[in-house]
Each structure stands twice: as structure tokens, then as C-alpha cells.
Amino acid sequence: MVVKAKELEFEGHLIDSMILPKALDTILDLEGEFEILEFRIGKKKQDHSYARMIVFGKDDAHLDQILKELHRIGARVIEVEEVEVAKAPADKVLPDGFYVTTNHPTFVRYQGEWLEVEDIGMDRVIVIRDGKAYCVPIDEVVKGDLVVVGEKGVRVVPPERPRKSTYFEFMGGRVSSERPTERMIEAIAKEIYDLKLSGGKIAVVAGPAIDHTSARDALAAMIRDGYVDLLLSGNALAVHDIEISIFGTSLGMDVSRGRPVPGGNRHHLYTISKIIAAGGIKKAVEKGIVKDGIMYECVKRNVPFILAGSIRDDGPLPEVITDVMMAKKEMKRALRGINMVIMLATMLHSIAVGNLLPSTVKTICVDMNPATVTKLMDRGTHQAIGVVTDVGLFLPLLYEKIKELEVREGRG
């Protein structure tokens, strides 16, 4: 029987980040074999470990299958290889064997230099333009683009467990409803506080359930106090938030007493009509129609917001982007430079935004449904921390912990 082999190397925190065990499990799960030629363990916690091995496959196709999976967790072919490219035959048409990206930092070897792939995200392609490497979706590929094919000359740097041990970082990539919630929220509050103190940027992905709870006031306060730099949501969050400001109801329910009001089922349509007549959300705030809430604070603080439409929307509000592909592009553009994303009670928006994020962005997903955070991670957002709890309890406590930090640090 013909056996094919390739020599590979791994470098990094291979043990505590579980990179080496994952690599060996992958080879065995795919019915391959390996021989470890060299293994050096870092002597100090900041030192990298190094492993060199030969991977065996039954034939070229089998070996390529194994190498594709190992490549995703950081394997490097020992010999320095130039990346292979092929021209796109037409707009939005890709050459055979095109490389599909992960959301991890990626480099390509092109004309003797390692180029970092800009704007990295999962399930896209790499194109070379004017001597630079870009990660782009299929619909942005134009005829003649040099598209990367295969794995040769491509290096992926997977996330590693941080060397500094903190409770927040220890939770990374896990989900459980059994965690000590208050301690977790304190850790997240500290992360947010420190990030903003160092000039970092935070985006919030929010679902309409926030409006039906005390989480609305907490999110509005976080925006007002400068802890939110970008809001991503849909038509419903904005409509119900503004309905509360104008009518004191959310979906026709009196938010102060938790009971329906006569004719309240029409309030969300009245709200949409008023905002359209005013010329949009910003105009409605300027005219004093909207006096408080999430959208009010976004306008007052000049915090950008992107509202993506769906077929379920009433209206929608003037600012809602009804072309979903355009909405995705705007969200991707707005997320550049964001260091942390907090996802609150919205499965579809959370997964959509997760698909746009590089793995280096700290991601927190809060939802009552464990399936939401599980699906988010299963679809590639492995860096996410899952908090299974009621957003109406989580967000006010998070804001409270942030304010306690301000007082403790003398900045309140």
C-alpha cells in the first residue's frame, strides 16, 4: 500500500492551550498516523513549546484531508512554500480548490514575504490585490482577482489560552448555567472597565427582549456613560424601545405595571408612523418626540447603530437596512477596531455577528436559552463565553458592578 507523508511543525503554548492533543486526536480520528520527531517544552510560562512530526496518510487525498484539519489549528509545513493563487474567472466565481478562511489571524507567503490577511473572518476567501492580502466574501470577488487556492504558503495562528490566569479568561469558550453568576459578572465588568480605560471599543448586539425588562434602562445607561461604542440590532429593538419612551408600553404592555393597556397592541404601529413622519430616529430625538431609552442615548452620545431588517418587520423604521447583504457589509465595516462584543438575548443576530468577527475579539453571549450560545460556538465563534441567564437580571447587575468599579477606582 502506498503511504504519503508530510513533515509539520507546531509552535506556541501547545500543552495548556491543548493544541498538541487536538492535533494528535485529529490525526487519529481521520485514521492517519504520526511520528513525533522533536518536542521541546517551554521552561517558563511565557516560553513557547515546539513540536515537529511526520504525518502519514493512505494516499494524497487522505493526507490532504488530514493536513486541512491540522492547518486550522496552526500546523506549518516545514519547507517554506509560496502561496498558490489562481485568477477568478468571473465576478463572484472562484477557481477550483479555493482556500476557505477561519476567523483566526492568518498569513500568506507571497513573493518571498509573509503578508497578514487583512479583515479576517470565517468562511471567506483570500485575494491578493496590489501586494496585500485581503479576506473577502464571495460576492466581493471580481474577475481577475488573484484568489488563494490550497493550503500551501498559508499560516493560521489559532488562539491560545492566555498566560495571565484570570477568572474571565478561564471561562473562555465554555457555557454553563451552573457558574457563580455574580462572580462572573464582576469579572466581565472588570474586563469592560479596563478595556475602556485603555481606549478599547465595545459593541453590543441586542435583541428586543431587552425592552421588556429592566435591562433597557441599564443598556441605555451604559451607552450614556460611554461603555458602548457600537449597537447592532434590528427593527424590533428600536421600535419597542421608542414605544416605551412615547407610550410607556412595550408590545402594548405597561412596563411599570406589567399589564396590557386598552388599545396597546396598536402602539408599536403608532410608534413607527410617528418616527417615519419625524424623518427618522435622530430627527425624532432632536424634536423631543423620543425623550429617553437606548436609541435616545445612541443619538445623544453619537454612538453609531446598525439596524438590520427582516421579513418579520413592521414598517420598518427609516434607519433599518432592508437589504440584508448591505446590512452585513455595514456591520462588518463597523466592527473593525472593536475589541469586545456583548451579545444580549438574540440568537439570529448573535450568530450573524459572530460570523463576522475575528477570533481575537472577546465575545460574551448572554441568553436564557443554552442552545443560543452553543450554536454560536458550533458555528465557529469558539472564543465566546456563554452566560445562560435572564438578560433582565444580568444587565442591571453588570452596570451596577461597573459603577462600583468607578467608585473604587476614584473615577465615579
Protein backbone atom coordinates (compact mmCIF):
# COMPACT_ATOMS: atom_id res chain seq x y z
CA MET A 1 0.00 0.00 0.00
CA VAL A 2 1.28 3.46 -0.94
CA VAL A 3 1.71 5.78 2.06
CA LYS A 4 2.07 9.55 1.75
CA ALA A 5 3.77 11.69 4.40
CA LYS A 6 4.39 15.31 5.24
CA GLU A 7 6.62 16.90 7.87
CA LEU A 8 4.91 19.52 10.02
CA GLU A 9 5.74 21.76 12.95
CA PHE A 10 3.77 23.44 15.73
CA GLU A 11 4.93 26.30 17.91
CA GLY A 12 3.20 28.09 20.79
CA HIS A 13 1.65 27.18 24.13
CA LEU A 14 1.00 23.68 22.87
CA ILE A 15 0.12 22.00 26.15
CA ASP A 16 -2.01 24.38 28.20
CA SER A 17 -3.81 25.59 25.07
CA MET A 18 -4.44 21.93 24.13
CA ILE A 19 -3.06 22.47 20.62
CA LEU A 20 -0.90 19.34 20.52
CA PRO A 21 -3.57 16.99 21.96
CA LYS A 22 -6.06 18.38 19.43
CA ALA A 23 -3.58 17.74 16.61
CA LEU A 24 -2.92 14.14 17.64
CA ASP A 25 -6.63 13.45 18.15
CA THR A 26 -7.37 14.89 14.72
CA ILE A 27 -4.81 12.63 13.02
CA LEU A 28 -6.14 9.51 14.76
CA ASP A 29 -9.81 10.43 14.23
CA LEU A 30 -9.10 10.69 10.49
CA GLU A 31 -7.34 7.29 10.56
CA GLY A 32 -3.92 8.77 9.91
CA GLU A 33 -0.66 8.08 11.69
CA PHE A 34 2.12 10.23 13.07
CA GLU A 35 5.68 10.10 14.28
CA ILE A 36 6.94 12.80 16.64
CA LEU A 37 10.49 13.76 15.65
CA GLU A 38 11.10 16.57 18.14
CA PHE A 39 9.27 18.01 21.13
CA ARG A 40 10.59 20.87 23.26
CA ILE A 41 8.58 22.15 26.23
CA GLY A 42 8.90 25.80 27.25
CA LYS A 43 10.69 26.03 30.59
CA LYS A 44 8.93 29.20 31.76
CA LYS A 45 5.27 30.09 31.48
CA GLN A 46 5.96 32.72 28.83
CA ASP A 47 8.10 30.34 26.72
CA HIS A 48 6.69 28.63 23.64
CA SER A 49 6.83 24.88 23.12
CA TYR A 50 7.83 23.33 19.80
CA ALA A 51 6.85 20.07 18.13
CA ARG A 52 7.95 18.56 14.82
CA MET A 53 6.31 15.45 13.42
CA ILE A 54 5.68 13.41 10.31
CA VAL A 55 2.04 12.82 9.40
CA PHE A 56 1.13 9.78 7.31
CA GLY A 57 -1.88 9.28 5.06
CA LYS A 58 -3.07 6.40 2.90
CA ASP A 59 -2.75 8.44 -0.30
CA ASP A 60 -2.52 12.05 -1.44
CA ALA A 61 -6.23 12.71 -0.94
CA HIS A 62 -6.23 11.21 2.55
CA LEU A 63 -3.13 13.15 3.56
CA ASP A 64 -4.58 16.38 2.19
CA GLN A 65 -7.73 15.80 4.27
CA ILE A 66 -5.65 15.46 7.43
CA LEU A 67 -3.46 18.46 6.59
CA LYS A 68 -6.50 20.68 6.02
CA GLU A 69 -7.74 19.98 9.54
CA LEU A 70 -4.30 20.35 11.14
CA HIS A 71 -3.78 23.60 9.28
CA ARG A 72 -6.79 25.09 11.08
CA ILE A 73 -5.13 24.60 14.47
CA GLY A 74 -1.78 26.06 13.49
CA ALA A 75 0.24 23.34 11.73
CA ARG A 76 3.00 24.61 9.43
CA VAL A 77 4.68 22.73 6.64
CA ILE A 78 8.41 22.80 7.40
CA GLU A 79 9.62 23.76 3.96
CA VAL A 80 8.83 27.37 3.11
CA GLU A 81 6.24 27.30 0.34
CA GLU A 82 4.84 30.15 -1.71
CA VAL A 83 1.10 30.55 -1.61
CA GLU A 84 -0.70 29.32 -4.72
CA VAL A 85 -3.09 31.69 -6.47
CA ALA A 86 -5.43 31.47 -9.43
CA LYS A 87 -7.42 34.14 -11.21
CA ALA A 88 -11.14 34.44 -10.62
CA PRO A 89 -12.74 33.60 -13.98
CA ALA A 90 -15.67 36.00 -13.43
CA ASP A 91 -17.25 38.23 -10.80
CA LYS A 92 -18.31 36.13 -7.77
CA VAL A 93 -16.88 32.98 -9.41
CA LEU A 94 -13.94 31.23 -7.72
CA PRO A 95 -11.23 28.95 -9.10
CA ASP A 96 -11.30 25.27 -8.13
CA GLY A 97 -9.75 24.41 -4.77
CA PHE A 98 -10.01 27.94 -3.34
CA TYR A 99 -8.90 28.35 0.28
CA VAL A 100 -11.68 28.91 2.84
CA THR A 101 -10.68 31.08 5.80
CA THR A 102 -11.08 30.58 9.52
CA ASN A 103 -11.59 33.56 11.84
CA HIS A 104 -8.06 33.18 13.26
CA PRO A 105 -5.18 35.53 12.35
CA THR A 106 -3.83 34.29 9.01
CA PHE A 107 -0.69 34.95 6.97
CA VAL A 108 0.22 34.04 3.38
CA ARG A 109 3.68 33.68 1.87
CA TYR A 110 3.63 35.78 -1.31
CA GLN A 111 6.67 36.73 -3.39
CA GLY A 112 9.03 35.88 -0.55
CA GLU A 113 7.17 37.82 2.17
CA TRP A 114 4.64 36.86 4.83
CA LEU A 115 1.55 39.04 4.39
CA GLU A 116 -1.03 39.30 7.15
CA VAL A 117 -4.52 38.77 5.77
CA GLU A 118 -6.50 41.92 6.44
CA ASP A 119 -10.08 41.95 7.75
CA ILE A 120 -10.03 38.24 8.60
CA GLY A 121 -13.32 36.42 9.12
CA MET A 122 -14.62 32.88 8.79
CA ASP A 123 -15.91 31.22 5.61
CA ARG A 124 -14.43 33.73 3.18
CA VAL A 125 -11.62 33.70 0.63
CA ILE A 126 -8.22 35.37 0.40
CA VAL A 127 -7.36 37.59 -2.55
CA ILE A 128 -4.09 39.32 -3.35
CA ARG A 129 -4.50 42.92 -4.51
CA ASP A 130 -1.67 45.41 -5.00
CA GLY A 131 0.72 43.30 -2.96
CA LYS A 132 -1.64 42.96 0.01
CA ALA A 133 -3.77 40.03 1.18
CA TYR A 134 -7.45 40.58 1.92
CA CYS A 135 -10.19 38.38 3.33
CA VAL A 136 -13.36 38.94 1.31
CA PRO A 137 -16.78 37.31 0.89
CA ILE A 138 -17.59 35.62 -2.40
CA ASP A 139 -19.81 38.47 -3.56
CA GLU A 140 -16.84 40.89 -3.45
CA VAL A 141 -14.60 38.78 -5.70
CA VAL A 142 -14.15 40.38 -9.12
CA LYS A 143 -12.93 38.87 -12.36
CA GLY A 144 -9.12 38.64 -12.44
CA ASP A 145 -8.65 38.69 -8.66
CA LEU A 146 -5.74 36.52 -7.52
CA VAL A 147 -7.50 34.03 -5.25
CA VAL A 148 -5.54 31.80 -2.86
CA VAL A 149 -6.02 28.07 -3.58
CA GLY A 150 -4.98 25.19 -1.35
CA GLU A 151 -3.11 25.45 1.95
CA LYS A 152 0.44 25.93 0.68
CA GLY A 153 2.05 29.08 1.98
CA VAL A 154 -0.86 29.79 4.35
CA ARG A 155 -0.24 30.07 8.08
CA VAL A 156 -3.02 30.17 10.68
CA VAL A 157 -2.36 31.30 14.25
CA PRO A 158 -5.06 29.77 16.50
CA PRO A 159 -5.99 31.44 19.79
CA GLU A 160 -4.11 30.20 22.82
CA ARG A 161 -5.07 30.18 26.46
CA PRO A 162 -3.73 33.45 27.90
CA ARG A 163 -0.60 33.17 30.04
CA LYS A 164 -2.13 35.52 32.61
CA SER A 165 -4.63 33.45 34.56
CA THR A 166 -7.85 35.33 35.32
CA TYR A 167 -11.35 34.11 36.04
CA PHE A 168 -12.68 35.80 32.92
CA GLU A 169 -10.10 34.17 30.64
CA PHE A 170 -10.52 30.80 32.33
CA MET A 171 -14.17 30.79 31.25
CA GLY A 172 -13.31 31.34 27.58
CA GLY A 173 -15.04 29.07 25.09
CA ARG A 174 -17.36 27.46 27.66
CA VAL A 175 -21.04 27.62 28.54
CA SER A 176 -22.79 26.57 31.71
CA SER A 177 -25.80 27.67 33.73
CA GLU A 178 -24.12 26.37 36.90
CA ARG A 179 -21.47 29.06 37.21
CA PRO A 180 -21.33 31.51 40.13
CA THR A 181 -23.14 34.26 38.19
CA GLU A 182 -22.25 37.24 40.39
CA ARG A 183 -18.55 36.41 40.34
CA MET A 184 -18.71 36.02 36.58
CA ILE A 185 -20.47 39.36 36.15
CA GLU A 186 -17.85 41.03 38.34
CA ALA A 187 -15.13 39.57 36.09
CA ILE A 188 -16.91 40.76 32.92
CA ALA A 189 -17.46 44.22 34.46
CA LYS A 190 -13.74 44.46 35.28
CA GLU A 191 -12.86 43.43 31.72
CA ILE A 192 -15.18 46.09 30.29
CA TYR A 193 -13.91 48.76 32.68
CA ASP A 194 -10.23 48.01 31.98
CA LEU A 195 -10.81 47.81 28.25
CA LYS A 196 -12.46 51.23 28.11
CA LEU A 197 -9.77 52.67 30.38
CA SER A 198 -7.13 51.56 27.86
CA GLY A 199 -9.02 53.06 24.91
CA GLY A 200 -10.66 49.84 23.68
CA LYS A 201 -14.01 49.68 21.90
CA ILE A 202 -17.10 47.63 22.76
CA ALA A 203 -20.04 46.64 20.56
CA VAL A 204 -23.39 45.43 21.84
CA VAL A 205 -25.65 43.08 19.86
CA ALA A 206 -29.12 43.43 21.36
CA GLY A 207 -32.46 41.67 20.98
CA PRO A 208 -35.92 43.13 21.65
CA ALA A 209 -36.31 41.12 24.87
CA ILE A 210 -34.17 43.83 26.47
CA ASP A 211 -37.06 46.28 26.08
CA HIS A 212 -39.47 44.13 28.04
CA THR A 213 -37.23 44.08 31.15
CA SER A 214 -35.20 46.44 33.32
CA ALA A 215 -32.27 45.67 31.01
CA ARG A 216 -33.43 48.58 28.80
CA ASP A 217 -32.53 51.21 31.38
CA ALA A 218 -29.22 49.51 32.15
CA LEU A 219 -28.20 49.36 28.47
CA ALA A 220 -29.23 53.00 27.96
CA ALA A 221 -27.11 53.95 30.98
CA MET A 222 -24.09 52.03 29.66
CA ILE A 223 -24.41 53.91 26.36
CA ARG A 224 -24.79 57.25 28.19
CA ASP A 225 -21.72 56.55 30.34
CA GLY A 226 -19.51 55.69 27.36
CA TYR A 227 -19.29 51.89 27.71
CA VAL A 228 -20.83 51.15 24.31
CA ASP A 229 -19.21 52.22 21.04
CA LEU A 230 -21.50 50.43 18.56
CA LEU A 231 -25.03 49.00 18.68
CA LEU A 232 -26.08 46.22 16.30
CA SER A 233 -29.71 45.12 16.28
CA GLY A 234 -32.91 45.01 14.28
CA ASN A 235 -36.12 46.91 13.78
CA ALA A 236 -37.89 45.38 16.81
CA LEU A 237 -35.45 46.57 19.48
CA ALA A 238 -35.64 50.16 18.23
CA VAL A 239 -39.44 50.16 17.80
CA HIS A 240 -40.21 48.78 21.26
CA ASP A 241 -37.57 50.99 22.90
CA ILE A 242 -39.13 54.09 21.33
CA GLU A 243 -42.66 52.83 22.09
CA ILE A 244 -41.71 52.79 25.77
CA SER A 245 -40.43 56.35 25.53
CA ILE A 246 -43.58 57.64 23.81
CA PHE A 247 -46.38 55.48 25.27
CA GLY A 248 -44.84 53.79 28.29
CA THR A 249 -45.69 50.39 26.78
CA SER A 250 -43.75 47.60 25.08
CA LEU A 251 -45.82 45.43 22.75
CA GLY A 252 -48.83 47.10 24.34
CA MET A 253 -47.86 46.13 27.90
CA ASP A 254 -47.50 48.80 30.57
CA VAL A 255 -43.83 48.35 31.52
CA SER A 256 -44.28 49.83 35.00
CA ARG A 257 -47.20 47.58 36.00
CA GLY A 258 -46.74 44.59 33.71
CA ARG A 259 -50.28 44.58 32.37
CA PRO A 260 -51.83 45.32 28.97
CA VAL A 261 -53.44 48.69 28.30
CA PRO A 262 -56.54 49.27 26.14
CA GLY A 263 -55.52 49.59 22.51
CA GLY A 264 -51.91 48.96 23.41
CA ASN A 265 -51.50 46.40 20.65
CA ARG A 266 -51.53 49.32 18.17
CA HIS A 267 -48.79 51.29 19.92
CA HIS A 268 -45.88 49.78 18.00
CA LEU A 269 -47.52 50.79 14.70
CA TYR A 270 -48.29 54.26 16.02
CA THR A 271 -44.62 54.49 17.05
CA ILE A 272 -43.37 53.53 13.60
CA SER A 273 -45.71 56.07 11.97
CA LYS A 274 -44.54 58.86 14.29
CA ILE A 275 -40.86 58.16 13.61
CA ILE A 276 -41.38 57.99 9.86
CA ALA A 277 -43.30 61.29 9.97
CA ALA A 278 -40.49 62.86 12.00
CA GLY A 279 -37.91 61.84 9.40
CA GLY A 280 -36.18 59.09 11.38
CA ILE A 281 -34.92 58.29 14.85
CA LYS A 282 -32.37 61.11 15.02
CA LYS A 283 -34.92 63.70 13.96
CA ALA A 284 -37.42 62.34 16.48
CA VAL A 285 -34.87 62.78 19.27
CA GLU A 286 -33.99 66.28 18.11
CA LYS A 287 -37.70 67.22 18.02
CA GLY A 288 -38.28 65.92 21.54
CA ILE A 289 -40.57 63.08 20.44
CA VAL A 290 -38.21 60.49 21.90
CA LYS A 291 -37.03 61.53 25.36
CA ASP A 292 -35.19 58.52 26.80
CA GLY A 293 -34.05 54.97 26.19
CA ILE A 294 -31.50 53.06 24.15
CA MET A 295 -31.93 54.82 20.79
CA TYR A 296 -32.15 58.21 22.51
CA GLU A 297 -28.78 57.70 24.20
CA CYS A 298 -27.22 56.47 20.93
CA VAL A 299 -28.25 59.69 19.21
CA LYS A 300 -27.23 61.92 22.11
CA ARG A 301 -23.83 60.20 22.52
CA ASN A 302 -23.20 59.90 18.74
CA VAL A 303 -22.91 56.12 19.15
CA PRO A 304 -23.37 54.50 15.72
CA PHE A 305 -26.11 51.90 15.36
CA ILE A 306 -26.93 49.49 12.55
CA LEU A 307 -30.43 48.04 12.35
CA ALA A 308 -30.71 45.04 10.02
CA GLY A 309 -34.13 44.28 8.60
CA SER A 310 -36.04 41.01 8.26
CA ILE A 311 -39.26 39.80 6.63
CA ARG A 312 -40.95 39.96 10.06
CA ASP A 313 -40.58 43.73 10.40
CA ASP A 314 -43.47 46.17 10.59
CA GLY A 315 -42.69 49.48 8.93
CA PRO A 316 -39.77 49.34 9.20
CA LEU A 317 -38.18 52.42 10.78
CA PRO A 318 -36.35 54.66 8.27
CA GLU A 319 -32.87 53.73 9.56
CA VAL A 320 -33.43 49.97 9.10
CA ILE A 321 -31.34 48.50 6.28
CA THR A 322 -33.71 46.16 4.46
CA ASP A 323 -31.10 44.77 2.05
CA VAL A 324 -29.57 42.06 4.25
CA MET A 325 -26.35 41.84 2.22
CA MET A 326 -25.89 45.59 2.55
CA ALA A 327 -26.62 45.31 6.26
CA LYS A 328 -23.96 42.63 6.59
CA LYS A 329 -21.39 44.79 4.82
CA GLU A 330 -22.20 47.76 7.06
CA MET A 331 -21.93 45.59 10.17
CA LYS A 332 -18.58 44.18 9.05
CA ARG A 333 -17.27 47.68 8.36
CA ALA A 334 -18.48 49.00 11.71
CA LEU A 335 -16.91 46.10 13.62
CA ARG A 336 -13.38 46.96 12.50
CA GLY A 337 -11.39 48.04 15.51
CA ILE A 338 -13.88 46.59 18.01
CA ASN A 339 -12.17 44.72 20.88
CA MET A 340 -15.17 43.18 22.64
CA VAL A 341 -18.71 42.21 21.62
CA ILE A 342 -21.51 41.64 24.14
CA MET A 343 -24.45 39.69 22.68
CA LEU A 344 -27.73 40.05 24.58
CA ALA A 345 -30.81 37.84 24.09
CA THR A 346 -30.79 37.42 20.33
CA MET A 347 -29.91 34.14 18.64
CA LEU A 348 -30.01 35.20 14.99
CA HIS A 349 -28.14 38.48 15.40
CA SER A 350 -25.58 36.86 17.70
CA ILE A 351 -24.73 34.12 15.21
CA ALA A 352 -24.69 36.59 12.32
CA VAL A 353 -22.30 38.95 14.10
CA GLY A 354 -20.20 36.04 15.36
CA ASN A 355 -19.59 35.04 11.74
CA LEU A 356 -18.12 38.49 11.08
CA LEU A 357 -15.67 38.55 14.00
CA PRO A 358 -12.01 37.55 14.10
CA SER A 359 -11.21 35.12 16.90
CA THR A 360 -9.14 37.80 18.65
CA VAL A 361 -12.29 39.76 19.63
CA LYS A 362 -13.52 38.90 23.13
CA THR A 363 -17.12 37.75 22.84
CA ILE A 364 -19.77 37.33 25.54
CA CYS A 365 -23.16 35.83 24.71
CA VAL A 366 -25.98 36.17 27.25
CA ASP A 367 -29.21 34.26 26.70
CA MET A 368 -31.81 32.27 28.63
CA ASN A 369 -31.59 29.52 26.03
CA PRO A 370 -28.39 27.41 26.24
CA ALA A 371 -28.86 26.49 22.56
CA THR A 372 -28.11 30.09 21.56
CA VAL A 373 -24.60 30.14 22.97
CA THR A 374 -23.97 26.53 21.93
CA LYS A 375 -24.97 27.25 18.32
CA LEU A 376 -22.83 30.38 18.32
CA MET A 377 -19.74 28.35 19.28
CA ASP A 378 -20.65 25.44 16.98
CA ARG A 379 -20.68 27.85 14.05
CA GLY A 380 -17.09 28.87 14.65
CA THR A 381 -17.16 31.59 17.31
CA HIS A 382 -15.09 29.46 19.68
CA GLN A 383 -13.78 32.44 21.64
CA ALA A 384 -17.27 33.17 23.01
CA ILE A 385 -18.12 33.00 26.69
CA GLY A 386 -21.67 31.74 27.19
CA VAL A 387 -23.73 33.09 30.09
CA VAL A 388 -27.05 31.28 30.43
CA THR A 389 -29.26 33.66 32.38
CA ASP A 390 -32.07 36.22 32.11
CA VAL A 391 -30.77 39.37 30.43
CA GLY A 392 -33.12 41.35 32.67
CA LEU A 393 -31.11 40.20 35.67
CA PHE A 394 -27.70 40.20 34.03
CA LEU A 395 -27.50 43.68 32.54
CA PRO A 396 -28.59 45.74 35.58
CA LEU A 397 -26.15 43.81 37.76
CA LEU A 398 -23.38 44.27 35.20
CA TYR A 399 -23.97 48.02 35.16
CA GLU A 400 -24.03 48.09 38.97
CA LYS A 401 -20.66 46.31 39.11
CA ILE A 402 -19.17 48.76 36.59
CA LYS A 403 -20.32 51.71 38.70
CA GLU A 404 -18.83 50.09 41.81
CA LEU A 405 -15.51 49.86 39.96
CA GLU A 406 -15.71 53.54 39.06
CA VAL A 407 -16.20 54.45 42.73
CA ARG A 408 -13.45 52.08 43.89
CA GLU A 409 -11.01 53.48 41.33
CA GLY A 410 -11.99 57.06 42.11
CA ARG A 411 -13.47 57.75 38.68
CA GLY A 412 -17.16 57.66 39.58
